[in-house]
Amino acid sequence: MLDELLKHFDDDVEPDEDDTPKFAVIGRPNVGKSSFINALIGKEQNIVTDIAGTTRDSLNTKFNKFGFDFTLVDTAGA
């Protein structure tokens, strides 16, 4: 089944130019994913409300800690 599925993907996809590690913050709606990322980066960048579904698309945020670069991905609740 996997072989059949892979036939439908392009072979000539260019690799992602940004090779920093990506960490996705996942979880149910309204559990504080955006608030958690805001706390990590030390500013209120991601919108935080008590309305479920505020984050609809994944949001990538560059983050540097301990001398290393990371990308934090804020995801919509599932």
N, C-alpha and C. Protein backbone atom coordinates (compact mmCIF):
# COMPACT_ATOMS: atom_id res chain seq x y z
N MET A 1 0.82 -1.18 0.00
CA MET A 1 0.00 0.00 0.00
C MET A 1 0.88 1.26 0.00
N LEU A 2 1.95 1.24 0.77
CA LEU A 2 2.86 2.38 0.80
C LEU A 2 3.48 2.63 -0.57
N ASP A 3 3.88 1.58 -1.26
CA ASP A 3 4.46 1.73 -2.59
C ASP A 3 3.47 2.39 -3.55
N GLU A 4 2.23 1.99 -3.47
CA GLU A 4 1.20 2.59 -4.33
C GLU A 4 1.00 4.06 -3.99
N LEU A 5 1.01 4.40 -2.74
CA LEU A 5 0.85 5.78 -2.31
C LEU A 5 2.02 6.64 -2.78
N LEU A 6 3.23 6.13 -2.66
CA LEU A 6 4.42 6.90 -3.05
C LEU A 6 4.47 7.19 -4.55
N LYS A 7 3.78 6.42 -5.35
CA LYS A 7 3.74 6.68 -6.80
C LYS A 7 3.10 8.02 -7.11
N HIS A 8 2.29 8.54 -6.21
CA HIS A 8 1.55 9.78 -6.45
C HIS A 8 2.30 11.03 -5.98
N PHE A 9 3.51 10.87 -5.44
CA PHE A 9 4.32 11.99 -4.99
C PHE A 9 5.36 12.33 -6.05
N ASP A 10 5.69 13.62 -6.14
CA ASP A 10 6.72 14.05 -7.08
C ASP A 10 8.09 13.65 -6.58
N ASP A 11 8.94 13.17 -7.51
CA ASP A 11 10.31 12.81 -7.16
C ASP A 11 11.23 14.02 -7.15
N ASP A 12 10.84 15.08 -7.84
CA ASP A 12 11.73 16.23 -8.00
C ASP A 12 11.43 17.36 -7.01
N VAL A 13 10.97 17.02 -5.85
CA VAL A 13 10.71 18.03 -4.83
C VAL A 13 12.03 18.53 -4.28
N GLU A 14 12.19 19.86 -4.27
CA GLU A 14 13.43 20.42 -3.78
C GLU A 14 13.45 20.37 -2.25
N PRO A 15 14.62 20.09 -1.69
CA PRO A 15 14.71 20.03 -0.23
C PRO A 15 14.49 21.40 0.38
N ASP A 16 14.04 21.40 1.61
CA ASP A 16 13.81 22.63 2.35
C ASP A 16 15.15 23.32 2.58
N GLU A 17 15.26 24.60 2.19
CA GLU A 17 16.53 25.30 2.34
C GLU A 17 16.85 25.58 3.79
N ASP A 18 15.85 25.66 4.61
CA ASP A 18 16.06 25.91 6.03
C ASP A 18 16.25 24.56 6.72
N ASP A 19 17.47 24.28 7.14
CA ASP A 19 17.74 22.97 7.73
C ASP A 19 17.76 23.00 9.25
N THR A 20 17.17 24.04 9.85
CA THR A 20 17.10 24.08 11.30
C THR A 20 16.08 23.06 11.79
N PRO A 21 16.31 22.49 12.96
CA PRO A 21 15.34 21.53 13.50
C PRO A 21 13.99 22.20 13.74
N LYS A 22 12.93 21.48 13.43
CA LYS A 22 11.57 21.99 13.62
C LYS A 22 10.88 21.18 14.70
N PHE A 23 10.25 21.90 15.63
CA PHE A 23 9.51 21.26 16.71
C PHE A 23 8.07 21.73 16.63
N ALA A 24 7.16 20.81 16.38
CA ALA A 24 5.75 21.13 16.29
C ALA A 24 5.12 21.00 17.67
N VAL A 25 4.36 22.02 18.05
CA VAL A 25 3.61 21.98 19.30
C VAL A 25 2.19 21.57 18.93
N ILE A 26 1.81 20.37 19.33
CA ILE A 26 0.52 19.83 18.93
C ILE A 26 -0.34 19.56 20.17
N GLY A 27 -1.64 19.50 19.94
CA GLY A 27 -2.55 19.20 21.04
C GLY A 27 -3.97 19.57 20.68
N ARG A 28 -4.84 19.40 21.61
CA ARG A 28 -6.25 19.70 21.43
C ARG A 28 -6.46 21.21 21.35
N PRO A 29 -7.62 21.65 20.88
CA PRO A 29 -7.91 23.09 20.83
C PRO A 29 -7.91 23.72 22.23
N ASN A 30 -7.42 24.93 22.31
CA ASN A 30 -7.46 25.73 23.54
C ASN A 30 -6.77 25.09 24.74
N VAL A 31 -5.60 24.51 24.51
CA VAL A 31 -4.83 23.97 25.63
C VAL A 31 -3.59 24.81 25.92
N GLY A 32 -3.35 25.86 25.12
CA GLY A 32 -2.24 26.76 25.39
C GLY A 32 -1.04 26.60 24.49
N LYS A 33 -1.22 26.03 23.29
CA LYS A 33 -0.09 25.85 22.39
C LYS A 33 0.52 27.19 21.99
N SER A 34 -0.30 28.14 21.60
CA SER A 34 0.19 29.47 21.21
C SER A 34 0.78 30.20 22.41
N SER A 35 0.16 30.08 23.55
CA SER A 35 0.67 30.70 24.78
C SER A 35 2.03 30.12 25.15
N PHE A 36 2.19 28.82 24.99
CA PHE A 36 3.45 28.15 25.28
C PHE A 36 4.57 28.69 24.40
N ILE A 37 4.29 28.82 23.10
CA ILE A 37 5.31 29.35 22.18
C ILE A 37 5.61 30.80 22.52
N ASN A 38 4.59 31.59 22.83
CA ASN A 38 4.83 32.98 23.23
C ASN A 38 5.73 33.04 24.46
N ALA A 39 5.52 32.14 25.41
CA ALA A 39 6.35 32.12 26.61
C ALA A 39 7.79 31.75 26.28
N LEU A 40 7.98 30.82 25.36
CA LEU A 40 9.33 30.42 24.98
C LEU A 40 10.10 31.55 24.30
N ILE A 41 9.43 32.27 23.40
CA ILE A 41 10.13 33.31 22.65
C ILE A 41 10.17 34.63 23.40
N GLY A 42 9.40 34.75 24.48
CA GLY A 42 9.45 35.94 25.32
C GLY A 42 8.71 37.14 24.77
N LYS A 43 7.78 36.92 23.87
CA LYS A 43 6.94 38.02 23.37
C LYS A 43 5.59 37.47 22.91
N GLU A 44 4.63 38.36 22.79
CA GLU A 44 3.28 37.95 22.40
C GLU A 44 3.14 38.04 20.89
N GLN A 45 3.67 37.05 20.20
CA GLN A 45 3.66 37.04 18.74
C GLN A 45 2.45 36.31 18.19
N ASN A 46 2.13 35.14 18.75
CA ASN A 46 0.99 34.36 18.28
C ASN A 46 -0.27 34.83 18.98
N ILE A 47 -1.35 34.89 18.23
CA ILE A 47 -2.63 35.35 18.78
C ILE A 47 -3.18 34.32 19.75
N VAL A 48 -3.60 34.79 20.92
CA VAL A 48 -4.15 33.91 21.96
C VAL A 48 -5.53 34.44 22.34
N THR A 49 -6.56 33.60 22.19
CA THR A 49 -7.91 33.92 22.64
C THR A 49 -8.52 32.66 23.24
N ASP A 50 -9.66 32.83 23.87
CA ASP A 50 -10.35 31.66 24.41
C ASP A 50 -11.33 31.06 23.41
N ILE A 51 -11.27 31.52 22.17
CA ILE A 51 -12.14 31.01 21.11
C ILE A 51 -11.42 29.88 20.39
N ALA A 52 -12.02 28.70 20.38
CA ALA A 52 -11.43 27.56 19.69
C ALA A 52 -11.32 27.85 18.20
N GLY A 53 -10.21 27.44 17.60
CA GLY A 53 -10.03 27.61 16.16
C GLY A 53 -9.35 28.91 15.78
N THR A 54 -8.80 29.65 16.75
CA THR A 54 -8.12 30.90 16.42
C THR A 54 -6.91 30.63 15.53
N THR A 55 -6.12 29.62 15.85
CA THR A 55 -4.99 29.24 14.99
C THR A 55 -5.52 28.27 13.95
N ARG A 56 -5.54 28.72 12.70
CA ARG A 56 -6.09 27.87 11.63
C ARG A 56 -5.00 27.26 10.76
N ASP A 57 -3.90 27.97 10.63
CA ASP A 57 -2.77 27.48 9.84
C ASP A 57 -1.56 27.35 10.74
N SER A 58 -0.65 26.47 10.38
CA SER A 58 0.58 26.33 11.14
C SER A 58 1.40 27.61 11.02
N LEU A 59 1.97 28.04 12.13
CA LEU A 59 2.79 29.24 12.17
C LEU A 59 4.20 28.87 12.58
N ASN A 60 5.17 29.20 11.73
CA ASN A 60 6.57 28.91 12.03
C ASN A 60 7.21 30.12 12.70
N THR A 61 7.95 29.87 13.77
CA THR A 61 8.63 30.93 14.51
C THR A 61 10.07 30.53 14.72
N LYS A 62 10.99 31.40 14.28
CA LYS A 62 12.42 31.16 14.51
C LYS A 62 12.71 31.39 15.98
N PHE A 63 13.59 30.56 16.54
CA PHE A 63 13.85 30.58 17.97
C PHE A 63 15.32 30.21 18.19
N ASN A 64 16.00 30.94 19.03
CA ASN A 64 17.39 30.64 19.34
C ASN A 64 17.53 30.51 20.85
N LYS A 65 18.01 29.38 21.27
CA LYS A 65 18.21 29.13 22.70
C LYS A 65 19.46 28.26 22.85
N PHE A 66 20.26 28.56 23.87
CA PHE A 66 21.48 27.80 24.15
C PHE A 66 22.45 27.82 22.97
N GLY A 67 22.37 28.88 22.15
CA GLY A 67 23.26 29.00 21.01
C GLY A 67 22.85 28.19 19.79
N PHE A 68 21.64 27.66 19.80
CA PHE A 68 21.15 26.86 18.68
C PHE A 68 19.90 27.49 18.10
N ASP A 69 19.75 27.37 16.78
CA ASP A 69 18.56 27.86 16.10
C ASP A 69 17.55 26.72 15.96
N PHE A 70 16.29 27.06 16.17
CA PHE A 70 15.19 26.11 16.03
C PHE A 70 14.05 26.80 15.29
N THR A 71 13.12 26.03 14.79
CA THR A 71 11.86 26.54 14.29
C THR A 71 10.75 25.90 15.12
N LEU A 72 9.94 26.73 15.76
CA LEU A 72 8.79 26.25 16.52
C LEU A 72 7.57 26.34 15.62
N VAL A 73 6.79 25.30 15.55
CA VAL A 73 5.60 25.28 14.70
C VAL A 73 4.37 25.22 15.59
N ASP A 74 3.60 26.32 15.55
CA ASP A 74 2.33 26.39 16.29
C ASP A 74 1.26 25.80 15.38
N THR A 75 0.60 24.75 15.81
CA THR A 75 -0.39 24.07 14.97
C THR A 75 -1.80 24.35 15.45
N ALA A 76 -2.74 24.15 14.56
CA ALA A 76 -4.16 24.24 14.94
C ALA A 76 -4.50 23.03 15.78
N GLY A 77 -5.42 23.18 16.71
CA GLY A 77 -5.84 22.06 17.56
C GLY A 77 -6.56 21.00 16.76
N ALA A 78 -6.42 19.78 17.20
CA ALA A 78 -7.08 18.68 16.51
C ALA A 78 -7.91 17.86 17.47
